[in-house]
């Protein structure tokens, strides 16, 4: 571990201790830490950026975030800064908060999706962000020809760029204006992402098409979590096998496609890694089998009630400090 890594670890330890204890003695080590930062040519702006990144990753209340500013103030004072300079840095952090608010507003306006009402299926969906801006996204499109397209995506990125990337993907799906096979849909969206989204931002997606007249379900995946089909006859889940590379890496990528018959009582389950990577307070991952068992236990309910109950049950056992964006889409054939 180099000097800079050690400084980051020390700063986070002081930050966590002070917010937990509110004891000013926990701030004593900050002056020496400031000297170390100066010796390693770390600027005050970089300290502010470090503080911002560390606090964004924590599930703190508004009061705790305000307390954390005491730590930043003590650290900045060590650089010999005046109070006016400190206030200027605080304004930069507030500007970042405003950016996050704008990104959240963009999402709420641009990414709304209406749940289609088809004769043979019921649909349930839930998407909960870990922070103000959701890195997950789902979309459903009724083509009014007896087919429905749907997608669940995970954008690895933050803030306004991630919100804009998702809106671009939604526009790409909506603008086709007709049902298309998932492999073709991903092929088109892959080109959209490759041309328009920052190269450091990755997008995984599960793309499906349900055909009501034949009760067939077609799907493709771009590096997304595997989906599952619940079979009423056997009372068991089947993992969906299609795989593919994430969107935006290679503009010529082709995506495999699979199809399944969906019988009465069967369910299609798609989710993001916020569900598959849930940790308990002990640090252990919740096994996928446990998640599927939860869904099986409530299979008699409407899909919207199922996803809501599953989410609430998971909240009871999840480590709140390890929370990630979470999206669940559940489709049940009823007749």
Protein backbone atom coordinates (compact mmCIF):
# COMPACT_ATOMS: atom_id res chain seq x y z
CA UNK A 1 0.00 0.00 0.00
CA UNK A 2 1.51 3.38 -1.03
CA UNK A 3 1.39 6.65 0.96
CA UNK A 4 -1.69 7.96 -0.86
CA UNK A 5 -3.65 4.73 -0.28
CA UNK A 6 -2.69 4.85 3.40
CA UNK A 7 -3.90 8.45 3.62
CA UNK A 8 -7.26 7.52 2.06
CA UNK A 9 -7.70 4.64 4.52
CA UNK A 10 -6.77 6.85 7.49
CA UNK A 11 -9.13 9.63 6.40
CA UNK A 12 -12.05 7.21 5.99
CA UNK A 13 -11.36 5.67 9.41
CA UNK A 14 -11.43 9.11 11.07
CA UNK A 15 -14.57 10.00 9.10
CA UNK A 16 -16.40 6.84 10.20
CA UNK A 17 -15.31 7.17 13.84
CA UNK A 18 -16.32 10.81 14.14
CA UNK A 19 -19.74 10.39 12.52
CA UNK A 20 -20.42 7.40 14.78
CA UNK A 21 -19.11 8.91 18.05
CA UNK A 22 -19.42 12.69 17.48
CA UNK A 23 -16.37 12.96 19.73
CA UNK A 24 -14.01 15.78 18.72
CA UNK A 25 -11.05 13.76 20.00
CA UNK A 26 -11.52 11.60 16.90
CA UNK A 27 -10.44 14.63 14.84
CA UNK A 28 -7.02 14.84 16.49
CA UNK A 29 -5.18 12.92 13.76
CA UNK A 30 -6.30 15.21 10.95
CA UNK A 31 -3.53 17.79 11.33
CA UNK A 32 -0.84 15.16 10.78
CA UNK A 33 -2.90 13.79 7.91
CA UNK A 34 -2.94 17.25 6.32
CA UNK A 35 0.87 17.40 6.53
CA UNK A 36 1.07 13.99 4.84
CA UNK A 37 -1.22 15.20 2.07
CA UNK A 38 0.96 18.28 1.48
CA UNK A 39 4.11 16.15 1.42
CA UNK A 40 2.53 13.91 -1.23
CA UNK A 41 1.41 16.89 -3.35
CA UNK A 42 -2.28 16.20 -2.73
CA UNK A 43 -4.26 19.40 -3.27
CA UNK A 44 -7.20 20.61 -1.16
CA UNK A 45 -9.44 20.10 -4.22
CA UNK A 46 -8.39 16.44 -4.28
CA UNK A 47 -9.25 16.13 -0.57
CA UNK A 48 -12.72 17.55 -1.29
CA UNK A 49 -13.12 15.08 -4.16
CA UNK A 50 -11.99 12.22 -1.90
CA UNK A 51 -14.46 13.29 0.79
CA UNK A 52 -17.26 13.47 -1.78
CA UNK A 53 -16.50 9.97 -3.14
CA UNK A 54 -16.32 8.45 0.34
CA UNK A 55 -19.58 9.99 1.56
CA UNK A 56 -21.45 9.07 -1.63
CA UNK A 57 -20.76 5.43 -0.88
CA UNK A 58 -22.30 5.59 2.59
CA UNK A 59 -25.94 5.31 3.64
CA UNK A 60 -25.80 8.38 5.89
CA UNK A 61 -28.62 10.67 6.97
CA UNK A 62 -28.58 14.40 6.21
CA UNK A 63 -27.41 15.06 9.79
CA UNK A 64 -24.55 12.57 9.45
CA UNK A 65 -23.48 14.11 6.14
CA UNK A 66 -23.45 17.52 7.83
CA UNK A 67 -21.28 16.08 10.63
CA UNK A 68 -18.85 14.70 8.07
CA UNK A 69 -18.18 18.28 6.94
CA UNK A 70 -16.48 18.89 10.32
CA UNK A 71 -13.86 16.34 9.31
CA UNK A 72 -13.35 18.01 5.94
CA UNK A 73 -13.07 21.44 7.61
CA UNK A 74 -10.37 20.23 10.03
CA UNK A 75 -8.48 18.63 7.17
CA UNK A 76 -8.63 21.79 5.05
CA UNK A 77 -7.58 24.01 7.98
CA UNK A 78 -4.38 21.96 8.07
CA UNK A 79 -3.56 23.36 4.64
CA UNK A 80 -3.64 26.87 6.11
CA UNK A 81 -6.85 27.74 4.29
CA UNK A 82 -9.09 30.59 5.40
CA UNK A 83 -12.76 30.15 6.22
CA UNK A 84 -13.66 31.93 2.97
CA UNK A 85 -11.65 29.37 0.99
CA UNK A 86 -13.38 26.59 2.90
CA UNK A 87 -16.82 28.01 2.05
CA UNK A 88 -15.81 28.06 -1.61
CA UNK A 89 -14.99 24.36 -1.43
CA UNK A 90 -18.29 23.65 0.31
CA UNK A 91 -20.10 25.41 -2.54
CA UNK A 92 -18.39 23.03 -4.96
CA UNK A 93 -19.77 20.10 -3.01
CA UNK A 94 -23.22 21.70 -2.98
CA UNK A 95 -22.96 22.10 -6.76
CA UNK A 96 -22.30 18.36 -7.00
CA UNK A 97 -25.40 17.71 -4.88
CA UNK A 98 -27.38 19.93 -7.24
CA UNK A 99 -26.07 17.90 -10.18
CA UNK A 100 -27.33 14.73 -8.52
CA UNK A 101 -30.74 16.36 -7.99
CA UNK A 102 -30.86 17.33 -11.67
CA UNK A 103 -29.94 13.78 -12.68
CA UNK A 104 -32.69 12.37 -10.46
CA UNK A 105 -35.21 14.81 -11.98
CA UNK A 106 -34.09 13.83 -15.47
CA UNK A 107 -34.76 10.21 -14.65
CA UNK A 108 -38.22 10.82 -13.25
CA UNK A 109 -39.23 12.85 -16.33
CA UNK A 110 -37.56 10.88 -19.11
CA UNK A 111 -37.60 7.28 -17.95
CA UNK A 112 -41.24 6.76 -17.03
CA UNK A 113 -42.66 3.50 -18.36
CA UNK A 114 -46.30 2.44 -18.47
CA UNK A 115 -47.14 -1.13 -17.47
CA UNK A 116 -48.95 -2.70 -20.47
CA UNK A 117 -52.22 -4.56 -19.94
CA UNK A 118 -52.38 -7.74 -21.99
CA UNK A 119 -55.12 -10.36 -21.78
CA UNK A 120 -52.95 -13.34 -20.87
CA UNK A 121 -50.33 -11.92 -18.49
CA UNK A 122 -49.91 -9.89 -15.30
CA UNK A 123 -46.83 -7.77 -14.66
CA UNK A 124 -45.05 -6.59 -11.52
CA UNK A 125 -42.02 -4.30 -11.36
CA UNK A 126 -40.01 -2.49 -8.72
CA UNK A 127 -36.86 -0.37 -9.08
CA UNK A 128 -35.25 1.19 -6.01
CA UNK A 129 -32.07 3.32 -6.18
CA UNK A 130 -29.39 3.04 -3.49
CA UNK A 131 -28.69 6.77 -3.87
CA UNK A 132 -30.67 9.60 -5.46
CA UNK A 133 -29.87 8.50 -9.01
CA UNK A 134 -30.82 5.00 -10.11
CA UNK A 135 -28.22 3.05 -12.11
CA UNK A 136 -30.91 0.51 -13.02
CA UNK A 137 -33.60 0.89 -15.64
CA UNK A 138 -36.54 -1.09 -16.98
CA UNK A 139 -38.87 -0.46 -19.90
CA UNK A 140 -41.99 -2.19 -21.23
CA UNK A 141 -43.59 -1.48 -24.62
CA UNK A 142 -47.01 -2.65 -25.77
CA UNK A 143 -46.80 -2.81 -29.58
CA UNK A 144 -50.60 -3.18 -29.87
CA UNK A 145 -50.18 -6.17 -32.15
CA UNK A 146 -50.33 -8.86 -29.49
CA UNK A 147 -46.66 -8.50 -28.55
CA UNK A 148 -44.79 -6.75 -25.76
CA UNK A 149 -41.10 -5.86 -25.61
CA UNK A 150 -39.35 -5.36 -22.31
CA UNK A 151 -35.85 -4.66 -21.06
CA UNK A 152 -33.99 -4.50 -17.77
CA UNK A 153 -30.65 -2.68 -17.81
CA UNK A 154 -27.85 -1.74 -15.44
CA UNK A 155 -25.74 1.31 -16.30
CA UNK A 156 -22.35 1.27 -14.59
CA UNK A 157 -21.90 5.02 -14.12
CA UNK A 158 -23.13 7.94 -12.01
CA UNK A 159 -24.89 11.27 -12.16
CA UNK A 160 -26.17 13.10 -15.21
CA UNK A 161 -24.13 11.03 -17.76
CA UNK A 162 -25.73 7.80 -16.50
CA UNK A 163 -29.22 9.34 -16.54
CA UNK A 164 -28.69 10.58 -20.10
CA UNK A 165 -27.35 7.18 -21.18
CA UNK A 166 -30.50 5.50 -19.91
CA UNK A 167 -32.77 8.05 -21.60
CA UNK A 168 -30.91 7.41 -24.85
CA UNK A 169 -31.51 3.66 -24.49
CA UNK A 170 -35.20 4.23 -23.77
CA UNK A 171 -35.52 6.48 -26.81
CA UNK A 172 -33.76 3.81 -28.88
CA UNK A 173 -36.28 1.18 -27.78
CA UNK A 174 -39.35 3.42 -28.12
CA UNK A 175 -38.42 4.85 -31.52
CA UNK A 176 -38.44 1.53 -33.36
CA UNK A 177 -42.24 1.68 -33.29
CA UNK A 178 -42.79 -2.03 -33.86
CA UNK A 179 -42.01 -5.34 -32.22
CA UNK A 180 -38.65 -6.82 -33.10
CA UNK A 181 -36.73 -9.86 -31.99
CA UNK A 182 -34.48 -9.27 -28.94
CA UNK A 183 -31.29 -10.18 -30.83
CA UNK A 184 -32.04 -7.42 -33.36
CA UNK A 185 -33.03 -5.02 -30.59
CA UNK A 186 -29.75 -5.49 -28.75
CA UNK A 187 -27.81 -5.20 -32.00
CA UNK A 188 -29.37 -1.77 -32.65
CA UNK A 189 -29.01 -0.57 -29.05
CA UNK A 190 -25.39 -1.73 -29.01
CA UNK A 191 -24.62 0.66 -31.87
CA UNK A 192 -26.48 3.49 -30.10
CA UNK A 193 -24.46 2.97 -26.90
CA UNK A 194 -21.15 2.53 -28.74
CA UNK A 195 -21.60 5.81 -30.64
CA UNK A 196 -23.11 8.01 -27.94
CA UNK A 197 -22.13 6.81 -24.46
CA UNK A 198 -18.85 7.53 -22.66
CA UNK A 199 -16.37 4.69 -23.21
CA UNK A 200 -15.88 4.34 -19.44
CA UNK A 201 -19.59 3.64 -18.95
CA UNK A 202 -20.86 0.08 -19.40
CA UNK A 203 -24.43 -1.08 -19.94
CA UNK A 204 -25.77 -4.58 -19.33
CA UNK A 205 -29.23 -5.46 -20.62
CA UNK A 206 -31.76 -8.28 -20.71
CA UNK A 207 -34.12 -7.83 -23.67
CA UNK A 208 -37.32 -9.87 -24.03
CA UNK A 209 -40.33 -10.17 -26.33
CA UNK A 210 -43.59 -11.85 -25.35
CA UNK A 211 -45.96 -12.98 -28.13
CA UNK A 212 -49.47 -13.37 -26.79
CA UNK A 213 -51.03 -15.33 -29.67
CA UNK A 214 -48.47 -18.16 -29.39
CA UNK A 215 -47.51 -17.64 -25.71
CA UNK A 216 -43.89 -17.65 -26.82
CA UNK A 217 -41.15 -15.72 -25.09
CA UNK A 218 -37.96 -14.67 -26.91
CA UNK A 219 -34.94 -13.17 -25.17
CA UNK A 220 -31.30 -12.11 -25.52
CA UNK A 221 -28.76 -10.84 -22.99
CA UNK A 222 -25.92 -8.32 -23.14
CA UNK A 223 -23.79 -9.32 -20.15
CA UNK A 224 -26.77 -9.15 -17.80
CA UNK A 225 -27.69 -11.26 -14.79
CA UNK A 226 -29.34 -14.53 -15.87
CA UNK A 227 -33.12 -14.53 -15.75
CA UNK A 228 -35.35 -17.40 -14.58
CA UNK A 229 -38.58 -19.05 -15.68
CA UNK A 230 -40.82 -20.52 -13.01
CA UNK A 231 -42.65 -23.63 -14.25
CA UNK A 232 -46.00 -24.20 -12.58
CA UNK A 233 -46.14 -27.88 -13.65
CA UNK A 234 -42.87 -28.84 -11.94
CA UNK A 235 -42.95 -26.07 -9.28
CA UNK A 236 -39.35 -25.24 -10.16
CA UNK A 237 -37.20 -22.52 -11.72
CA UNK A 238 -35.19 -22.80 -14.95
CA UNK A 239 -32.20 -20.51 -15.49
CA UNK A 240 -32.19 -18.76 -18.86
CA UNK A 241 -29.03 -19.52 -20.77
CA UNK A 242 -28.47 -16.75 -23.33
CA UNK A 243 -25.26 -14.78 -22.80
CA UNK A 244 -23.56 -11.89 -24.58
CA UNK A 245 -21.07 -9.06 -24.21
CA UNK A 246 -22.11 -5.77 -22.54
CA UNK A 247 -23.43 -2.98 -24.78
CA UNK A 248 -21.07 -0.46 -26.35
CA UNK A 249 -17.85 -2.48 -26.47
CA UNK A 250 -17.91 -3.68 -30.08
CA UNK A 251 -20.28 -2.16 -32.68
CA UNK A 252 -20.37 -5.40 -34.72
CA UNK A 253 -21.37 -7.69 -31.83
CA UNK A 254 -24.20 -10.15 -32.56
CA UNK A 255 -26.36 -11.50 -29.76
CA UNK A 256 -27.69 -15.02 -29.34
CA UNK A 257 -31.41 -15.49 -28.88
CA UNK A 258 -33.47 -18.21 -27.22
CA UNK A 259 -37.19 -18.89 -27.03
CA UNK A 260 -39.52 -20.67 -24.60
CA UNK A 261 -43.19 -21.56 -24.43
CA UNK A 262 -44.86 -19.90 -21.45
CA UNK A 263 -47.71 -21.95 -19.98
CA UNK A 264 -50.50 -20.88 -17.64
CA UNK A 265 -49.05 -20.28 -14.16
CA UNK A 266 -45.49 -19.85 -15.47
CA UNK A 267 -43.52 -16.71 -14.55
CA UNK A 268 -40.64 -14.83 -16.17
CA UNK A 269 -38.21 -13.29 -13.66
CA UNK A 270 -35.56 -10.70 -14.58
CA UNK A 271 -33.51 -8.62 -12.14
CA UNK A 272 -30.28 -6.64 -11.70
CA UNK A 273 -27.22 -7.48 -9.62
CA UNK A 274 -28.64 -5.43 -6.75
CA UNK A 275 -30.77 -8.52 -6.09
CA UNK A 276 -28.22 -11.24 -6.80
CA UNK A 277 -25.45 -9.58 -4.75
CA UNK A 278 -27.42 -8.77 -1.58
CA UNK A 279 -25.35 -9.23 1.59
CA UNK A 280 -26.51 -10.02 5.09
CA UNK A 281 -25.19 -8.11 8.11
CA UNK A 282 -22.74 -11.01 8.55
CA UNK A 283 -21.26 -10.18 5.14
CA UNK A 284 -22.54 -13.37 3.51
CA UNK A 285 -24.31 -13.19 0.17
CA UNK A 286 -27.97 -14.17 0.08
CA UNK A 287 -28.07 -17.26 -2.13
CA UNK A 288 -30.07 -17.12 -5.37
CA UNK A 289 -31.96 -20.22 -4.23
CA UNK A 290 -33.26 -18.26 -1.23
CA UNK A 291 -34.49 -15.46 -3.47
CA UNK A 292 -36.27 -17.90 -5.77
CA UNK A 293 -37.83 -19.63 -2.78
CA UNK A 294 -39.22 -16.28 -1.63
CA UNK A 295 -40.90 -15.78 -4.99
CA UNK A 296 -42.24 -19.34 -4.98
CA UNK A 297 -43.73 -18.78 -1.52
CA UNK A 298 -45.83 -15.87 -2.80
CA UNK A 299 -46.58 -17.21 -6.30
CA UNK A 300 -50.35 -17.07 -5.65
CA UNK A 301 -50.23 -13.25 -5.46
CA UNK A 302 -50.35 -10.71 -8.28
CA UNK A 303 -46.78 -10.14 -9.61
CA UNK A 304 -46.77 -6.53 -8.33
CA UNK A 305 -47.55 -7.77 -4.83
CA UNK A 306 -44.90 -10.49 -5.15
CA UNK A 307 -42.07 -8.08 -6.03
CA UNK A 308 -43.13 -5.66 -3.28
CA UNK A 309 -43.22 -8.39 -0.62
CA UNK A 310 -39.87 -9.82 -1.78
CA UNK A 311 -38.28 -6.36 -1.59
CA UNK A 312 -39.63 -5.77 1.92
CA UNK A 313 -38.44 -9.21 3.09
CA UNK A 314 -34.95 -8.53 1.73
CA UNK A 315 -34.79 -5.17 3.51
CA UNK A 316 -35.11 -7.02 6.82
CA UNK A 317 -31.98 -9.12 6.26
CA UNK A 318 -29.84 -6.84 4.08
CA UNK A 319 -26.79 -4.95 5.32
CA UNK A 320 -27.86 -1.30 4.69
CA UNK A 321 -24.23 -0.26 4.15
CA UNK A 322 -23.91 -2.68 1.23
CA UNK A 323 -27.09 -1.64 -0.57
CA UNK A 324 -27.08 -1.33 -4.36
CA UNK A 325 -29.66 -0.25 -6.93
CA UNK A 326 -32.24 -3.01 -7.18
CA UNK A 327 -34.73 -3.83 -9.94
CA UNK A 328 -37.11 -6.80 -10.23
CA UNK A 329 -39.44 -7.50 -13.16
CA UNK A 330 -41.91 -10.38 -12.90
CA UNK A 331 -44.33 -11.49 -15.63
CA UNK A 332 -46.95 -14.20 -14.97
CA UNK A 333 -49.13 -15.93 -17.55
CA UNK A 334 -52.66 -16.18 -16.15
CA UNK A 335 -54.79 -17.47 -19.04
